Amino acid sequence: MMALVNPHGSKKQLMPLLLKGAEREDEIKRAEKMPRVEITSKESGDILMLGMGAFTPLNGFMVKDDYEGCIEEMKLRKVDPGVMWPLPVTLAIDEDTRKSIKEGQEVALYDKETGELMATMKVEEIWEPDKRKECELCFKGAGADSERFWDVALEDHPGVQQVMNAPKYYAGGPIKALSEKDFAQKYGEAYMHPSVARKIFEERGWSTVAAFQTRNPIHRSHEYLCKIAQEVLDGVFIHALVGKLKPGDIPGEKRMECYKVLIDNYFNKERTVLGVYPLEMRYGGPKEALLHGIFRQNFGCSHLIIGRDHAGVGDFYGLFEAQEIYDRLWPGALELQPLKIDWTFWCYKCGGMASLKTCPHGKEDRCVVSGTKFRRLMSEGGEVPAEFSRPEVLEILRDYYANLTEKVKIKKGAFEDIPAGK
């Protein structure tokens, strides 16, 4: 049997940072005497990923050399020199915190929303980053110029807003993760570490595994992508983001109901594994697609399914820019490979799901499934075509939206009016 892909990085082994047992209890006591630093839910999510080893080979929040290498050339410079890393993992601190801590000091990191102790960190470096440079290098699409990007990014790009609205300074250094919040209680066995996923894949005899990234209920196009992967590889890992989402997105617990009913009724369970992970979206389009590839490789996946506008937002990125960025990687940058799939849709003349590569018919014969359009129709009580999703999923979502106390209006999707041939 062939082996799974190696974890990312020169050491080719997982590097989880979560303390357990007596070691964890001792560190919690030590943290009581450390300066308190409050962090956001995004930074807590990064700690959870660092803790479980999903962000291997990082050892904590980036220091300046790794940060600058990441944004300028997508390469780490200190923690694992030359290893590909596409988006920064940083801890932002304000002026008061900057004055209260110093380099070389240990601090305790607390989630500001829950008050929970998440980790301790040895502060190796504090600096003031060039945030505009970071946003341009990380979030600007390949076809956009700087002026046009900034005309709309501050209002319409949540990733840019997050960076620009964060405190002035970054602090970097190695961490010791101390918490996993309540994800295991909420999601049970689906909340798994990379080491657990790898064990599951190995026990099933898999060596080629495609990860499917999702933060939405799975509609027919998503299902089609997963089944294409199952046709050509050993199995598919449906890996759902359950960190904090943006307004209008469907809660993780409700989406889990949708995933389970779909797998129970329409998937070969011997070829399907369902998992969740606690990260927040960065809406980084192509570069986030690379980040998704890195931590899926750490989970043991050989491929990442990349379809239309992977990890995109609005019209900031070309529809297949996330596929194209993989073609520009240098040899050996990543063992995981993209599984590139064209624009998919239901074709009435074909009588089933198809793509631009397989369907000879025109736009008028196609029902294009957009996650944004899907959510808007559901939230507004509109008629959802049967070709959008399976009836069991639609039933769960209709009940969810009918019982919302506050209706959230979904903006018109960026893809509805794009000609199908684009």
Protein backbone atom coordinates (compact mmCIF):
# COMPACT_ATOMS: atom_id res chain seq x y z
CA MET A 1 0.00 0.00 0.00
CA MET A 2 1.30 3.44 -0.88
CA ALA A 3 1.81 5.92 1.95
CA LEU A 4 -0.07 9.15 2.51
CA VAL A 5 1.60 12.43 1.58
CA ASN A 6 4.06 13.82 4.12
CA PRO A 7 3.17 16.68 6.44
CA HIS A 8 4.26 20.09 5.16
CA GLY A 9 7.75 21.38 5.91
CA SER A 10 11.33 20.16 5.81
CA LYS A 11 10.93 17.80 8.78
CA LYS A 12 7.98 16.01 7.14
CA GLN A 13 6.31 15.35 10.47
CA LEU A 14 3.37 16.86 12.31
CA MET A 15 4.24 19.48 14.91
CA PRO A 16 1.22 19.86 17.25
CA LEU A 17 1.60 22.55 19.91
CA LEU A 18 -1.28 21.59 22.23
CA LEU A 19 -0.19 20.65 25.74
CA LYS A 20 -2.00 17.83 27.52
CA GLY A 21 -2.29 16.34 31.00
CA ALA A 22 0.02 17.50 33.78
CA GLU A 23 2.11 19.59 31.38
CA ARG A 24 -1.00 21.57 30.43
CA GLU A 25 -2.07 22.05 34.05
CA ASP A 26 1.40 23.30 35.00
CA GLU A 27 1.41 25.79 32.13
CA ILE A 28 -2.05 27.08 33.10
CA LYS A 29 -0.71 27.80 36.61
CA ARG A 30 2.34 29.54 35.16
CA ALA A 31 0.07 31.65 32.95
CA GLU A 32 -1.59 33.17 36.03
CA LYS A 33 1.60 35.17 36.68
CA MET A 34 2.10 36.28 33.06
CA PRO A 35 0.89 39.57 31.53
CA ARG A 36 -2.55 39.14 29.99
CA VAL A 37 -2.95 39.79 26.26
CA GLU A 38 -6.43 39.71 24.75
CA ILE A 39 -6.83 38.22 21.28
CA THR A 40 -9.57 38.03 18.65
CA SER A 41 -11.58 35.00 17.58
CA LYS A 42 -9.46 34.87 14.40
CA GLU A 43 -6.28 34.57 16.46
CA SER A 44 -7.94 31.98 18.70
CA GLY A 45 -8.77 29.97 15.58
CA ASP A 46 -5.15 30.16 14.49
CA ILE A 47 -4.08 28.89 17.93
CA LEU A 48 -6.44 25.93 17.57
CA MET A 49 -4.92 25.09 14.18
CA LEU A 50 -1.40 25.48 15.57
CA GLY A 51 -2.34 23.36 18.56
CA MET A 52 -3.59 20.39 16.55
CA GLY A 53 -0.65 20.53 14.14
CA ALA A 54 -2.68 21.70 11.15
CA PHE A 55 -0.33 24.68 10.70
CA THR A 56 2.82 22.55 10.70
CA PRO A 57 5.66 23.67 10.48
CA LEU A 58 4.80 26.95 12.25
CA ASN A 59 5.68 27.06 15.95
CA GLY A 60 3.49 30.03 16.82
CA PHE A 61 2.66 33.50 15.56
CA MET A 62 5.05 34.73 12.89
CA VAL A 63 8.08 36.86 13.71
CA LYS A 64 9.01 39.66 11.33
CA ASP A 65 11.32 37.61 9.07
CA ASP A 66 8.70 34.91 8.52
CA TYR A 67 5.96 37.51 8.06
CA GLU A 68 7.90 39.44 5.44
CA GLY A 69 9.01 36.29 3.64
CA CYS A 70 5.41 35.10 3.60
CA ILE A 71 3.86 38.24 2.11
CA GLU A 72 6.74 39.04 -0.28
CA GLU A 73 7.66 35.63 -1.71
CA MET A 74 5.38 33.08 0.01
CA LYS A 75 8.38 31.56 1.81
CA LEU A 76 9.25 31.23 5.47
CA ARG A 77 12.65 32.65 6.37
CA LYS A 78 13.26 31.63 9.99
CA VAL A 79 11.11 28.86 11.45
CA ASP A 80 11.62 26.58 8.40
CA PRO A 81 13.57 28.54 5.77
CA GLY A 82 12.40 28.26 2.17
CA VAL A 83 9.17 26.42 2.99
CA MET A 84 6.10 27.75 1.18
CA TRP A 85 3.56 29.72 3.25
CA PRO A 86 1.10 32.03 1.45
CA LEU A 87 -0.77 34.06 4.11
CA PRO A 88 0.51 35.47 7.41
CA VAL A 89 -0.40 34.04 10.80
CA THR A 90 -0.01 37.05 13.06
CA LEU A 91 -0.97 38.39 16.48
CA ALA A 92 -1.99 42.07 16.55
CA ILE A 93 -1.55 44.16 19.70
CA ASP A 94 -2.51 47.74 20.49
CA GLU A 95 -0.44 50.62 21.83
CA ASP A 96 -1.23 49.94 25.50
CA THR A 97 -0.28 46.27 25.17
CA ARG A 98 2.88 47.25 23.32
CA LYS A 99 3.92 49.38 26.27
CA SER A 100 3.08 46.71 28.85
CA ILE A 101 5.06 43.81 27.37
CA LYS A 102 8.59 43.44 26.04
CA GLU A 103 10.57 41.12 23.83
CA GLY A 104 11.80 38.01 25.63
CA GLN A 105 8.82 38.01 27.98
CA GLU A 106 6.19 35.28 28.29
CA VAL A 107 2.55 36.35 28.01
CA ALA A 108 -0.83 34.65 28.40
CA LEU A 109 -3.24 34.89 25.47
CA TYR A 110 -6.94 35.16 26.33
CA ASP A 111 -9.88 35.14 23.92
CA LYS A 112 -11.49 38.57 24.37
CA GLU A 113 -14.99 37.26 23.54
CA THR A 114 -15.04 34.30 25.93
CA GLY A 115 -12.31 35.20 28.42
CA GLU A 116 -10.77 31.76 27.89
CA LEU A 117 -7.03 31.17 28.24
CA MET A 118 -5.95 29.96 24.82
CA ALA A 119 -2.14 29.79 24.98
CA THR A 120 1.07 31.18 26.35
CA MET A 121 3.62 32.81 24.08
CA LYS A 122 7.23 33.82 24.39
CA VAL A 123 7.40 37.23 22.72
CA GLU A 124 10.40 37.11 20.40
CA GLU A 125 9.64 40.24 18.40
CA ILE A 126 7.29 43.23 18.25
CA TRP A 127 7.10 45.46 15.18
CA GLU A 128 4.87 47.78 13.21
CA PRO A 129 3.92 46.19 9.87
CA ASP A 130 3.07 47.92 6.61
CA LYS A 131 -0.56 46.82 6.46
CA ARG A 132 -1.32 48.33 3.08
CA LYS A 133 1.57 46.36 1.61
CA GLU A 134 0.31 43.21 3.33
CA CYS A 135 -3.20 43.67 1.93
CA GLU A 136 -2.01 44.33 -1.61
CA LEU A 137 0.33 41.36 -1.68
CA CYS A 138 -2.09 38.97 0.00
CA PHE A 139 -5.54 40.00 -1.22
CA LYS A 140 -5.22 41.79 -4.56
CA GLY A 141 -6.23 39.66 -7.52
CA ALA A 142 -3.79 39.05 -10.36
CA GLY A 143 -5.72 41.23 -12.80
CA ALA A 144 -6.36 44.23 -10.55
CA ASP A 145 -4.32 47.42 -10.23
CA SER A 146 -3.65 49.03 -6.85
CA GLU A 147 -5.92 52.03 -7.36
CA ARG A 148 -8.94 49.94 -8.31
CA PHE A 149 -8.23 47.51 -5.48
CA TRP A 150 -8.21 50.20 -2.80
CA ASP A 151 -11.28 51.90 -4.30
CA VAL A 152 -13.41 49.00 -3.12
CA ALA A 153 -11.36 46.84 -0.74
CA LEU A 154 -11.85 48.85 2.46
CA GLU A 155 -15.62 48.62 2.09
CA ASP A 156 -16.15 45.27 0.39
CA HIS A 157 -13.25 42.92 1.23
CA PRO A 158 -13.64 41.37 4.71
CA GLY A 159 -10.03 40.16 4.73
CA VAL A 160 -8.72 43.67 4.06
CA GLN A 161 -11.08 45.12 6.65
CA GLN A 162 -9.84 42.63 9.22
CA VAL A 163 -6.19 43.53 8.66
CA MET A 164 -6.66 47.29 8.45
CA ASN A 165 -8.95 47.46 11.49
CA ALA A 166 -6.65 45.34 13.66
CA PRO A 167 -4.32 46.97 16.23
CA LYS A 168 -1.15 48.74 15.08
CA TYR A 169 1.60 46.27 16.05
CA TYR A 170 2.33 42.59 15.53
CA ALA A 171 3.92 40.37 18.18
CA GLY A 172 5.49 37.07 17.19
CA GLY A 173 6.91 34.06 18.94
CA PRO A 174 6.39 30.38 19.78
CA ILE A 175 3.25 29.34 21.63
CA LYS A 176 2.03 26.57 23.89
CA ALA A 177 -1.64 25.92 23.08
CA LEU A 178 -3.84 25.20 26.10
CA SER A 179 -7.44 25.05 24.84
CA GLU A 180 -9.62 23.59 22.11
CA LYS A 181 -12.72 25.51 23.16
CA ASP A 182 -15.94 23.49 22.85
CA PHE A 183 -15.53 22.18 19.31
CA ALA A 184 -15.24 18.53 20.35
CA GLN A 185 -18.46 18.82 22.35
CA LYS A 186 -20.29 20.51 19.47
CA TYR A 187 -19.08 18.32 16.63
CA GLY A 188 -18.01 15.04 18.20
CA GLU A 189 -15.74 12.80 16.13
CA ALA A 190 -15.98 15.15 13.15
CA TYR A 191 -13.69 17.56 15.03
CA MET A 192 -10.44 15.73 14.40
CA HIS A 193 -6.75 16.49 14.49
CA PRO A 194 -4.54 15.80 11.46
CA SER A 195 -3.07 12.74 13.20
CA VAL A 196 -6.57 11.29 13.62
CA ALA A 197 -7.56 11.93 10.00
CA ARG A 198 -4.34 10.29 8.83
CA LYS A 199 -5.07 7.23 10.96
CA ILE A 200 -8.59 6.96 9.49
CA PHE A 201 -7.27 7.20 5.93
CA GLU A 202 -4.57 4.60 6.61
CA GLU A 203 -7.03 2.19 8.22
CA ARG A 204 -9.16 2.40 5.08
CA GLY A 205 -6.15 1.70 2.90
CA TRP A 206 -6.27 5.11 1.24
CA SER A 207 -3.20 6.84 -0.18
CA THR A 208 -4.91 9.35 -2.47
CA VAL A 209 -7.46 11.58 -0.74
CA ALA A 210 -9.19 14.72 -2.03
CA ALA A 211 -10.17 17.39 0.45
CA PHE A 212 -13.33 19.35 -0.24
CA GLN A 213 -13.34 22.80 1.36
CA THR A 214 -16.74 24.11 2.40
CA ARG A 215 -18.35 26.76 4.58
CA ASN A 216 -21.84 26.25 3.11
CA PRO A 217 -24.39 23.45 2.90
CA ILE A 218 -23.47 21.15 0.03
CA HIS A 219 -25.55 21.80 -3.07
CA ARG A 220 -25.62 19.70 -6.24
CA SER A 221 -22.50 21.25 -7.77
CA HIS A 222 -20.53 20.57 -4.59
CA GLU A 223 -21.80 17.00 -4.52
CA TYR A 224 -20.76 16.56 -8.14
CA LEU A 225 -17.22 17.80 -7.40
CA CYS A 226 -16.86 15.35 -4.51
CA LYS A 227 -18.04 12.43 -6.62
CA ILE A 228 -15.66 13.29 -9.45
CA ALA A 229 -12.89 13.03 -6.84
CA GLN A 230 -14.19 9.68 -5.65
CA GLU A 231 -14.10 8.36 -9.20
CA VAL A 232 -10.39 9.03 -9.62
CA LEU A 233 -9.00 8.81 -6.05
CA ASP A 234 -9.41 6.52 -3.05
CA GLY A 235 -11.74 8.80 -1.14
CA VAL A 236 -12.96 12.29 -0.34
CA PHE A 237 -12.54 14.24 2.90
CA ILE A 238 -15.42 16.70 3.25
CA HIS A 239 -13.76 19.25 5.51
CA ALA A 240 -16.05 22.01 6.74
CA LEU A 241 -15.00 25.31 8.26
CA VAL A 242 -16.78 25.88 11.56
CA GLY A 243 -14.90 28.91 12.87
CA LYS A 244 -16.59 32.28 13.13
CA LEU A 245 -18.37 33.19 9.87
CA LYS A 246 -19.62 36.41 8.36
CA PRO A 247 -23.25 37.59 8.81
CA GLY A 248 -25.69 35.60 6.70
CA ASP A 249 -23.68 32.37 6.72
CA ILE A 250 -25.36 29.26 8.10
CA PRO A 251 -24.16 28.07 11.55
CA GLY A 252 -21.86 25.06 11.67
CA GLU A 253 -24.24 22.90 13.69
CA LYS A 254 -27.02 23.36 11.15
CA ARG A 255 -24.67 22.69 8.25
CA MET A 256 -23.57 19.47 9.95
CA GLU A 257 -27.17 18.27 9.80
CA CYS A 258 -27.11 18.96 6.06
CA TYR A 259 -23.79 17.17 5.53
CA LYS A 260 -24.87 14.10 7.48
CA VAL A 261 -28.23 13.67 5.76
CA LEU A 262 -26.54 14.06 2.38
CA ILE A 263 -23.84 11.50 3.15
CA ASP A 264 -26.38 9.10 4.64
CA ASN A 265 -28.55 9.18 1.52
CA TYR A 266 -26.32 9.95 -1.45
CA PHE A 267 -22.67 9.13 -0.73
CA ASN A 268 -20.72 5.89 -0.56
CA LYS A 269 -19.73 5.99 3.11
CA GLU A 270 -16.78 3.70 2.51
CA ARG A 271 -15.29 6.41 0.30
CA THR A 272 -16.30 9.45 2.39
CA VAL A 273 -15.00 11.02 5.61
CA LEU A 274 -16.60 14.09 7.21
CA GLY A 275 -14.52 16.47 9.31
CA VAL A 276 -14.61 20.03 10.62
CA TYR A 277 -11.90 22.54 11.49
CA PRO A 278 -11.98 25.73 13.62
CA LEU A 279 -10.37 28.34 11.38
CA GLU A 280 -11.92 31.61 10.25
CA MET A 281 -12.02 32.50 6.57
CA ARG A 282 -9.51 35.07 5.39
CA TYR A 283 -11.24 35.51 1.99
CA GLY A 284 -7.83 35.44 0.35
CA GLY A 285 -8.90 33.74 -2.87
CA PRO A 286 -5.84 32.20 -4.60
CA LYS A 287 -3.49 32.50 -1.64
CA GLU A 288 -6.09 31.10 0.72
CA ALA A 289 -6.43 28.17 -1.69
CA LEU A 290 -2.73 27.52 -1.08
CA LEU A 291 -3.24 27.77 2.69
CA HIS A 292 -6.10 25.28 2.36
CA GLY A 293 -3.72 23.00 0.50
CA ILE A 294 -1.05 23.22 3.20
CA PHE A 295 -3.22 22.21 6.10
CA ARG A 296 -5.08 19.57 4.05
CA GLN A 297 -1.68 18.03 3.27
CA ASN A 298 -1.05 18.00 7.01
CA PHE A 299 -4.35 16.13 7.38
CA GLY A 300 -3.07 13.54 4.90
CA CYS A 301 -4.81 14.68 1.73
CA SER A 302 -3.03 14.28 -1.60
CA HIS A 303 -5.39 16.61 -3.47
CA LEU A 304 -7.58 19.65 -2.89
CA ILE A 305 -10.70 20.09 -4.99
CA ILE A 306 -10.61 23.57 -6.53
CA GLY A 307 -13.55 24.71 -8.58
CA ARG A 308 -14.94 28.14 -9.35
CA ASP A 309 -13.74 31.12 -7.25
CA HIS A 310 -12.29 29.07 -4.41
CA ALA A 311 -12.19 31.14 -1.17
CA GLY A 312 -13.21 34.21 -3.11
CA VAL A 313 -15.35 37.17 -2.14
CA GLY A 314 -17.31 39.45 -4.47
CA ASP A 315 -15.50 39.88 -7.76
CA PHE A 316 -12.00 40.46 -6.36
CA TYR A 317 -10.55 37.38 -8.06
CA GLY A 318 -10.77 35.68 -11.42
CA LEU A 319 -13.08 32.68 -11.41
CA PHE A 320 -10.19 30.21 -11.76
CA GLU A 321 -7.36 32.24 -10.27
CA ALA A 322 -7.15 29.82 -7.33
CA GLN A 323 -6.38 27.02 -9.78
CA GLU A 324 -3.82 29.06 -11.69
CA ILE A 325 -1.75 29.98 -8.63
CA TYR A 326 -0.88 26.30 -8.13
CA ASP A 327 0.69 26.32 -11.59
CA ARG A 328 3.05 29.09 -10.50
CA LEU A 329 4.48 27.25 -7.49
CA TRP A 330 8.10 26.21 -7.62
CA PRO A 331 8.99 22.48 -7.69
CA GLY A 332 8.58 20.87 -4.28
CA ALA A 333 6.62 23.76 -2.78
CA LEU A 334 3.72 21.47 -1.88
CA GLU A 335 3.19 17.72 -2.14
CA LEU A 336 -0.59 18.12 -2.33
CA GLN A 337 -1.90 18.73 -5.84
CA PRO A 338 -4.97 20.67 -7.00
CA LEU A 339 -7.86 18.69 -8.44
CA LYS A 340 -9.06 21.33 -10.89
CA ILE A 341 -12.67 21.16 -11.97
CA ASP A 342 -14.42 23.51 -14.40
CA TRP A 343 -17.63 25.43 -13.80
CA THR A 344 -20.36 22.90 -13.00
CA PHE A 345 -24.15 23.15 -13.28
CA TRP A 346 -27.32 21.18 -13.88
CA CYS A 347 -28.08 20.85 -17.61
CA TYR A 348 -31.71 20.16 -18.45
CA LYS A 349 -30.85 18.74 -21.87
CA CYS A 350 -28.08 16.52 -20.50
CA GLY A 351 -30.46 15.47 -17.74
CA GLY A 352 -27.90 15.84 -14.94
CA MET A 353 -24.84 17.61 -13.60
CA ALA A 354 -22.28 18.71 -16.18
CA SER A 355 -19.43 21.17 -16.68
CA LEU A 356 -18.23 23.51 -19.39
CA LYS A 357 -15.87 20.75 -20.48
CA THR A 358 -18.61 18.14 -20.93
CA CYS A 359 -21.81 19.99 -21.83
CA PRO A 360 -22.47 21.13 -25.44
CA HIS A 361 -25.66 23.07 -24.62
CA GLY A 362 -26.32 26.77 -24.11
CA LYS A 363 -26.78 28.97 -21.07
CA GLU A 364 -30.57 28.80 -21.39
CA ASP A 365 -30.45 25.05 -20.75
CA ARG A 366 -28.46 25.33 -17.52
CA CYS A 367 -29.34 25.84 -13.86
CA VAL A 368 -26.19 27.40 -12.41
CA VAL A 369 -25.89 26.71 -8.69
CA SER A 370 -24.34 29.53 -6.66
CA GLY A 371 -23.96 29.23 -2.89
CA THR A 372 -24.75 32.94 -2.52
CA LYS A 373 -27.88 32.70 -4.66
CA PHE A 374 -28.88 29.53 -2.81
CA ARG A 375 -28.66 31.23 0.61
CA ARG A 376 -30.51 34.31 -0.60
CA LEU A 377 -33.41 32.33 -2.02
CA MET A 378 -33.69 30.33 1.19
CA SER A 379 -33.51 33.40 3.44
CA GLU A 380 -36.17 35.22 1.42
CA GLY A 381 -38.47 32.23 1.15
CA GLY A 382 -38.03 32.07 -2.60
CA GLU A 383 -38.64 29.04 -4.76
CA VAL A 384 -35.49 26.94 -4.86
CA PRO A 385 -35.16 24.79 -7.98
CA ALA A 386 -34.99 21.08 -7.21
CA GLU A 387 -31.74 20.98 -9.16
CA PHE A 388 -30.03 23.17 -6.53
CA SER A 389 -29.87 20.62 -3.75
CA ARG A 390 -31.25 17.34 -2.47
CA PRO A 391 -34.75 17.48 -0.92
CA GLU A 392 -33.50 16.33 2.52
CA VAL A 393 -31.05 19.25 2.63
CA LEU A 394 -33.67 21.74 1.47
CA GLU A 395 -36.04 20.56 4.19
CA ILE A 396 -33.45 21.22 6.91
CA LEU A 397 -32.64 24.66 5.53
CA ARG A 398 -36.26 25.71 5.03
CA ASP A 399 -36.91 24.88 8.66
CA TYR A 400 -33.82 26.82 9.73
CA TYR A 401 -34.74 29.96 7.81
CA ALA A 402 -38.40 29.76 8.81
CA ASN A 403 -37.37 29.83 12.46
CA LEU A 404 -34.86 32.67 12.26
CA THR A 405 -35.91 35.49 14.53
CA GLU A 406 -33.98 37.98 12.41
CA LYS A 407 -33.90 37.56 8.66
CA VAL A 408 -30.50 38.21 7.16
CA LYS A 409 -30.60 39.49 3.62
CA ILE A 410 -27.96 38.04 1.33
CA LYS A 411 -26.40 40.34 -1.22
CA LYS A 412 -26.88 39.41 -4.81
CA GLY A 413 -24.17 36.96 -5.79
CA ALA A 414 -21.32 37.90 -8.06
CA PHE A 415 -21.86 34.89 -10.32
CA GLU A 416 -25.55 34.94 -11.19
CA ASP A 417 -25.22 37.25 -14.15
CA ILE A 418 -21.91 35.97 -15.51
CA PRO A 419 -22.39 34.24 -18.85
CA ALA A 420 -21.95 30.50 -18.44
CA GLY A 421 -19.30 30.44 -21.13
CA LYS A 422 -16.93 32.74 -19.28
